[in-house]
C-alpha cells in the first residue's frame, strides 16, 4: 500500500545554536544560500576544501574553505573545550549537540586490539540538522492503534531518507491527545527527542542507554505502552526486543534497508519477524520534490508470502 504525504513548510532553515561554533563568514554564506534552497539537512566541513550543504534540492557547494586549525577549534568548541569528556562518542564517529544535532567526525583512527582508542587529524565534520514535522506519521499511528498494542512497526529505508524524522513525529503524536499512549523513547545517541518540545506529552526518554538495556528498562520498570528506538539491527538488541514483546510492549523502530526482502533476510530482523514482533513493515521514499514522502506498507502476513515466494523462486536462498 502506498501513501504520499506532503510536509509543511519549515520556518527555521538554520539552527541558531550553530552561530556559537562556526566562523561568521561561513554562517553568513549558509544563511544567504539557504534562503533559496529550502530546508538544510546537512552542513559538511572539510579541511582545506570548500564546505557544502545537503538540502532538499541536492548538494550545494559553498565558497568558504576552512583550514585544519579552524576545524579543530570548531570541534573543540562543540565539545565545550573538553574532547576527553566526549571521547566515547568521538571514537564511535560522532558527537551530539543541543537540540539533537548530530555531528559526524571523520579523521585518522588510533586502533588498539581492534578497537578505536582515539581519533586524530580530523579531516571532516558532518553536521546533521534534525527535522520536526508533527503532521507526519498518521498512517503509522493508525497501524499501531489498529493492532491495539499486540505488535509493533518497523520503518526502513536507505540512510538519509527521513526515518528519524518520522519516528519523532509518531512518538509525539502517539503520546499526546485524548487517546495518548505512554511512550518510552530509547535515545542511545541523545539525538532522537532532545529539544523537541515535549510539553503535554506522555513521553519518557532514556538518553544514552544502550538499546538492549534501555528496551528492558522501558518494558520492565516504565510500564510503557509503546517503545521507540532508532536503527536496530544487532542480535543482542533482538533478544531484548523479543523479551519486551513477550511482556506485551510493542516497538516502533527503524532499520537501514533498500527493500523488504533484503531487510527480512538479515539474521537479527528475521529473528524478530519469526517472533512476530512487528505487525507491519513501512518502507519510506523521499519524492523528487523534496517535501513529500511515500510510504510502502507491508503487513507481516504479506511479508510471509513474499519470503515464501522468494524461497520457491530461489531454492536454498
Protein backbone atom coordinates (compact mmCIF):
# COMPACT_ATOMS: atom_id res chain seq x y z
CA UNK A 1 0.00 0.00 0.00
CA UNK A 2 1.43 3.41 -0.93
CA UNK A 3 0.61 6.70 0.78
CA UNK A 4 2.02 10.11 -0.14
CA UNK A 5 2.24 12.87 2.49
CA UNK A 6 3.35 16.46 1.92
CA UNK A 7 5.45 18.04 4.68
CA UNK A 8 4.55 21.56 5.82
CA UNK A 9 6.93 24.45 5.31
CA UNK A 10 9.77 24.73 7.81
CA UNK A 11 10.20 28.21 9.26
CA UNK A 12 13.69 27.77 10.66
CA UNK A 13 16.13 26.63 7.98
CA UNK A 14 19.27 27.06 10.07
CA UNK A 15 19.63 26.33 13.84
CA UNK A 16 20.82 29.45 15.67
CA UNK A 17 22.98 27.36 18.03
CA UNK A 18 25.49 26.82 15.21
CA UNK A 19 26.42 30.52 15.36
CA UNK A 20 28.32 29.65 18.55
CA UNK A 21 30.66 27.27 16.74
CA UNK A 22 31.02 28.25 13.08
CA UNK A 23 33.01 31.20 11.66
CA UNK A 24 30.90 34.24 10.82
CA UNK A 25 31.80 34.21 7.12
CA UNK A 26 30.56 30.62 6.88
CA UNK A 27 27.30 31.20 8.76
CA UNK A 28 26.54 34.28 6.68
CA UNK A 29 27.08 32.34 3.46
CA UNK A 30 24.95 29.44 4.70
CA UNK A 31 22.06 31.75 5.63
CA UNK A 32 22.30 33.55 2.30
CA UNK A 33 22.28 30.32 0.28
CA UNK A 34 19.60 28.69 2.45
CA UNK A 35 17.01 31.29 1.51
CA UNK A 36 16.76 29.80 -1.97
CA UNK A 37 17.34 26.11 -1.35
CA UNK A 38 14.77 25.09 1.25
CA UNK A 39 15.49 23.07 4.37
CA UNK A 40 19.13 22.34 5.19
CA UNK A 41 19.70 18.69 6.09
CA UNK A 42 23.49 18.64 6.49
CA UNK A 43 26.41 21.06 6.68
CA UNK A 44 29.68 19.41 5.64
CA UNK A 45 33.00 20.95 6.61
CA UNK A 46 36.17 19.52 5.03
CA UNK A 47 39.72 20.52 5.92
CA UNK A 48 41.30 22.72 3.22
CA UNK A 49 38.30 22.15 0.93
CA UNK A 50 35.08 24.03 0.28
CA UNK A 51 32.18 23.48 2.66
CA UNK A 52 28.92 22.12 1.27
CA UNK A 53 25.24 21.81 2.14
CA UNK A 54 22.86 18.91 1.68
CA UNK A 55 19.41 20.36 1.05
CA UNK A 56 16.02 19.29 -0.26
CA UNK A 57 17.30 20.27 -3.71
CA UNK A 58 20.56 18.30 -3.54
CA UNK A 59 24.21 19.04 -2.72
CA UNK A 60 25.34 22.67 -2.89
CA UNK A 61 28.98 23.75 -2.69
CA UNK A 62 29.88 26.95 -0.86
CA UNK A 63 32.89 29.20 -1.39
CA UNK A 64 34.15 29.09 2.22
CA UNK A 65 37.27 26.98 2.83
CA UNK A 66 38.27 26.06 6.40
CA UNK A 67 41.79 25.13 7.49
CA UNK A 68 42.80 22.38 9.88
CA UNK A 69 43.08 24.70 12.88
CA UNK A 70 39.58 26.03 12.24
CA UNK A 71 38.15 22.51 12.02
CA UNK A 72 39.90 21.58 15.29
CA UNK A 73 38.64 24.73 17.01
CA UNK A 74 35.06 24.10 15.86
CA UNK A 75 35.17 20.54 17.21
CA UNK A 76 36.72 21.71 20.49
CA UNK A 77 34.03 24.36 20.96
CA UNK A 78 31.31 21.82 20.20
CA UNK A 79 32.80 19.66 22.98
CA UNK A 80 32.89 22.58 25.45
CA UNK A 81 36.70 22.59 25.15
CA UNK A 82 36.89 19.06 26.56
CA UNK A 83 37.49 16.46 23.86
CA UNK A 84 38.28 13.89 26.56
CA UNK A 85 34.79 14.18 28.07
CA UNK A 86 33.34 13.29 24.66
CA UNK A 87 35.95 10.68 23.71
CA UNK A 88 33.49 7.79 23.96
CA UNK A 89 31.20 9.08 21.23
CA UNK A 90 34.05 10.64 19.22
CA UNK A 91 35.60 7.17 18.95
CA UNK A 92 32.23 6.00 17.62
CA UNK A 93 32.33 8.72 14.98
CA UNK A 94 30.04 11.44 16.30
CA UNK A 95 29.06 13.92 19.00
CA UNK A 96 25.59 15.28 19.78
CA UNK A 97 24.83 18.97 20.31
CA UNK A 98 21.83 20.58 22.00
CA UNK A 99 18.61 20.10 20.07
CA UNK A 100 19.57 16.65 18.81
CA UNK A 101 22.07 17.90 16.22
CA UNK A 102 24.47 15.04 15.44
CA UNK A 103 27.95 15.86 14.16
CA UNK A 104 29.73 13.07 12.29
CA UNK A 105 33.53 13.06 12.65
CA UNK A 106 35.99 11.83 10.04
CA UNK A 107 39.72 11.52 10.74
CA UNK A 108 42.58 9.10 11.42
CA UNK A 109 41.83 6.37 13.94
CA UNK A 110 44.21 5.04 16.59
CA UNK A 111 43.49 1.32 16.94
CA UNK A 112 44.32 -0.98 19.85
CA UNK A 113 43.19 -4.62 19.97
CA UNK A 114 40.74 -3.93 17.18
CA UNK A 115 39.07 -1.02 18.98
CA UNK A 116 39.19 2.70 18.16
CA UNK A 117 41.02 4.36 21.06
CA UNK A 118 41.25 7.86 19.61
CA UNK A 119 40.69 9.99 16.52
CA UNK A 120 43.38 12.34 15.19
CA UNK A 121 43.90 14.64 12.21
CA UNK A 122 40.18 15.39 11.91
CA UNK A 123 39.51 15.99 8.23
CA UNK A 124 35.75 16.49 8.08
CA UNK A 125 32.69 17.29 10.19
CA UNK A 126 29.16 16.48 9.04
CA UNK A 127 26.53 18.50 10.92
CA UNK A 128 23.16 16.76 10.57
CA UNK A 129 20.18 19.05 11.21
CA UNK A 130 17.21 17.23 12.82
CA UNK A 131 13.73 17.79 11.43
CA UNK A 132 10.45 18.07 13.28
CA UNK A 133 7.30 17.54 11.20
CA UNK A 134 4.50 16.75 13.63
CA UNK A 135 1.95 16.33 10.86
CA UNK A 136 3.82 13.26 9.60
CA UNK A 137 3.21 9.68 10.60
CA UNK A 138 -0.58 9.39 10.80
CA UNK A 139 -0.58 6.12 8.77
CA UNK A 140 1.91 4.68 11.29
CA UNK A 141 -0.23 5.81 14.22
CA UNK A 142 -3.25 4.13 12.63
CA UNK A 143 -1.33 0.88 12.22
CA UNK A 144 -0.25 0.88 15.87
CA UNK A 145 -3.75 1.65 17.14
CA UNK A 146 -5.36 -0.96 14.86
CA UNK A 147 -3.04 -3.60 16.33
CA UNK A 148 -4.00 -2.42 19.85
CA UNK A 149 -0.50 -2.89 21.21
CA UNK A 150 -0.20 -6.51 20.11
CA UNK A 151 2.67 -5.86 17.68
CA UNK A 152 4.92 -3.04 16.57
CA UNK A 153 6.03 -1.35 13.35
CA UNK A 154 9.46 -1.32 11.68
CA UNK A 155 10.32 1.61 9.40
CA UNK A 156 13.07 1.03 6.84
CA UNK A 157 14.90 2.95 4.12
CA UNK A 158 18.45 3.69 2.97
CA UNK A 159 20.35 6.20 5.16
CA UNK A 160 19.36 9.86 4.96
CA UNK A 161 15.76 9.46 3.78
CA UNK A 162 13.93 10.52 6.94
CA UNK A 163 13.44 7.59 9.34
CA UNK A 164 14.41 9.56 12.44
CA UNK A 165 12.14 12.45 11.46
CA UNK A 166 9.23 10.05 11.14
CA UNK A 167 9.98 8.39 14.49
CA UNK A 168 9.95 11.79 16.20
CA UNK A 169 6.60 12.67 14.73
CA UNK A 170 4.94 9.35 15.56
CA UNK A 171 6.36 9.30 19.11
CA UNK A 172 4.92 12.75 19.73
CA UNK A 173 1.54 12.03 18.12
CA UNK A 174 1.09 8.73 19.97
CA UNK A 175 1.89 10.37 23.33
CA UNK A 176 -0.46 13.36 23.01
CA UNK A 177 -4.17 13.95 22.60
CA UNK A 178 -7.23 12.34 24.15
CA UNK A 179 -6.12 8.78 23.35
CA UNK A 180 -2.45 9.26 24.31
CA UNK A 181 -0.28 6.23 24.95
CA UNK A 182 2.57 6.06 27.46
CA UNK A 183 5.62 6.18 25.18
CA UNK A 184 9.21 5.39 26.17
CA UNK A 185 11.95 6.51 23.77
CA UNK A 186 15.31 4.74 23.92
CA UNK A 187 17.60 7.51 22.64
CA UNK A 188 21.02 5.86 22.59
CA UNK A 189 22.75 8.71 20.77
CA UNK A 190 20.90 11.52 22.55
CA UNK A 191 19.54 12.90 19.29
CA UNK A 192 16.11 11.39 18.75
CA UNK A 193 13.97 13.52 21.08
CA UNK A 194 16.37 16.12 22.52
CA UNK A 195 14.93 19.63 22.44
CA UNK A 196 11.75 18.54 20.67
CA UNK A 197 9.29 20.37 22.95
CA UNK A 198 7.53 17.50 24.73
CA UNK A 199 5.16 19.62 26.81
CA UNK A 200 1.86 17.86 27.29
CA UNK A 201 3.21 14.51 26.06
CA UNK A 202 3.05 11.22 27.98
CA UNK A 203 6.58 10.55 26.83
CA UNK A 204 9.69 9.44 28.73
CA UNK A 205 13.20 9.45 27.24
CA UNK A 206 16.02 7.09 28.24
CA UNK A 207 19.03 9.03 26.94
CA UNK A 208 22.40 7.42 26.33
CA UNK A 209 21.33 3.89 27.25
CA UNK A 210 22.47 1.02 25.02
CA UNK A 211 19.37 -0.06 23.12
CA UNK A 212 19.16 -3.53 24.67
CA UNK A 213 19.35 -2.21 28.25
CA UNK A 214 17.01 0.70 27.53
CA UNK A 215 14.41 -1.60 25.99
CA UNK A 216 14.42 -3.87 29.04
CA UNK A 217 14.04 -0.88 31.40
CA UNK A 218 11.20 0.57 29.32
CA UNK A 219 9.35 -2.74 29.37
CA UNK A 220 10.05 -3.74 32.97
CA UNK A 221 10.01 -0.53 35.03
CA UNK A 222 8.44 2.27 32.95
CA UNK A 223 5.18 0.42 32.17
CA UNK A 224 5.32 1.80 28.62
CA UNK A 225 2.54 1.15 26.12
CA UNK A 226 4.90 1.82 23.21
CA UNK A 227 8.68 1.80 22.91
CA UNK A 228 10.52 3.80 20.24
CA UNK A 229 14.15 3.43 19.14
CA UNK A 230 16.26 4.24 16.11
CA UNK A 231 18.42 2.00 13.92
CA UNK A 232 18.05 -1.50 15.34
CA UNK A 233 19.95 -4.39 13.84
CA UNK A 234 22.25 -6.44 16.07
CA UNK A 235 21.46 -9.75 17.75
CA UNK A 236 21.76 -8.52 21.35
CA UNK A 237 19.13 -5.88 20.64
CA UNK A 238 16.93 -8.53 19.03
CA UNK A 239 16.99 -10.61 22.22
CA UNK A 240 15.92 -7.62 24.34
CA UNK A 241 13.20 -6.71 21.83
CA UNK A 242 11.73 -10.22 21.91
CA UNK A 243 11.73 -10.03 25.72
CA UNK A 244 9.79 -6.75 25.59
CA UNK A 245 7.34 -8.21 23.07
CA UNK A 246 6.71 -11.11 25.44
CA UNK A 247 5.96 -8.50 28.13
CA UNK A 248 3.27 -7.06 25.85
CA UNK A 249 5.02 -3.81 24.89
CA UNK A 250 5.09 -3.07 21.13
CA UNK A 251 8.08 -1.44 19.46
CA UNK A 252 8.27 1.31 16.87
CA UNK A 253 11.76 1.18 15.38
CA UNK A 254 13.79 1.91 12.28
CA UNK A 255 16.42 -0.01 10.32
CA UNK A 256 18.50 0.51 7.22
CA UNK A 257 17.21 -1.37 4.18
CA UNK A 258 16.60 -0.88 0.46
CA UNK A 259 13.66 -3.27 0.17
CA UNK A 260 11.52 -5.56 2.28
CA UNK A 261 13.15 -8.83 1.22
CA UNK A 262 16.67 -7.55 1.80
CA UNK A 263 15.59 -6.31 5.22
CA UNK A 264 13.99 -9.60 6.27
CA UNK A 265 16.98 -11.67 5.15
CA UNK A 266 19.15 -10.07 7.81
CA UNK A 267 19.56 -12.53 10.68
CA UNK A 268 18.51 -10.24 13.53
CA UNK A 269 15.48 -8.88 11.63
CA UNK A 270 14.41 -12.40 10.64
CA UNK A 271 14.57 -13.38 14.32
CA UNK A 272 12.21 -10.53 15.16
CA UNK A 273 9.92 -11.40 12.24
CA UNK A 274 9.69 -15.04 13.30
CA UNK A 275 8.87 -13.88 16.85
CA UNK A 276 6.05 -11.75 15.40
CA UNK A 277 7.45 -8.58 16.97
CA UNK A 278 6.31 -6.42 14.04
CA UNK A 279 2.85 -6.44 12.56
CA UNK A 280 3.88 -4.21 9.67
CA UNK A 281 6.98 -3.00 7.82
CA UNK A 282 6.95 0.50 6.37
CA UNK A 283 9.39 1.50 3.63
CA UNK A 284 9.79 5.23 3.10
CA UNK A 285 10.97 7.05 0.00
CA UNK A 286 11.56 10.74 -0.47
CA UNK A 287 9.88 12.07 -3.59
CA UNK A 288 11.77 14.26 -6.05
CA UNK A 289 10.03 17.42 -4.90
CA UNK A 290 11.88 17.07 -1.58
CA UNK A 291 8.87 17.81 0.63
CA UNK A 292 6.94 14.60 0.00
CA UNK A 293 7.39 11.06 1.30
CA UNK A 294 5.91 7.84 0.01
CA UNK A 295 5.15 5.06 2.49
CA UNK A 296 5.02 1.42 1.33
CA UNK A 297 3.29 -0.68 3.99
CA UNK A 298 3.75 -4.46 4.10
CA UNK A 299 1.78 -6.39 6.73
CA UNK A 300 3.61 -9.25 8.45
CA UNK A 301 1.40 -11.83 6.73
CA UNK A 302 2.19 -10.27 3.35
CA UNK A 303 5.88 -10.45 4.23
CA UNK A 304 5.48 -14.18 4.91
CA UNK A 305 4.13 -14.66 1.38
CA UNK A 306 6.97 -12.63 -0.14
CA UNK A 307 9.54 -14.70 1.73
CA UNK A 308 7.90 -17.98 0.69
CA UNK A 309 7.72 -16.91 -2.96
CA UNK A 310 11.35 -15.84 -2.84
CA UNK A 311 12.42 -19.21 -1.44
CA UNK A 312 10.40 -21.02 -4.11
CA UNK A 313 11.96 -18.95 -6.88
CA UNK A 314 15.48 -19.29 -5.45
CA UNK A 315 15.75 -22.60 -3.55
CA UNK A 316 18.44 -22.54 -0.89
CA UNK A 317 18.31 -18.75 -0.51
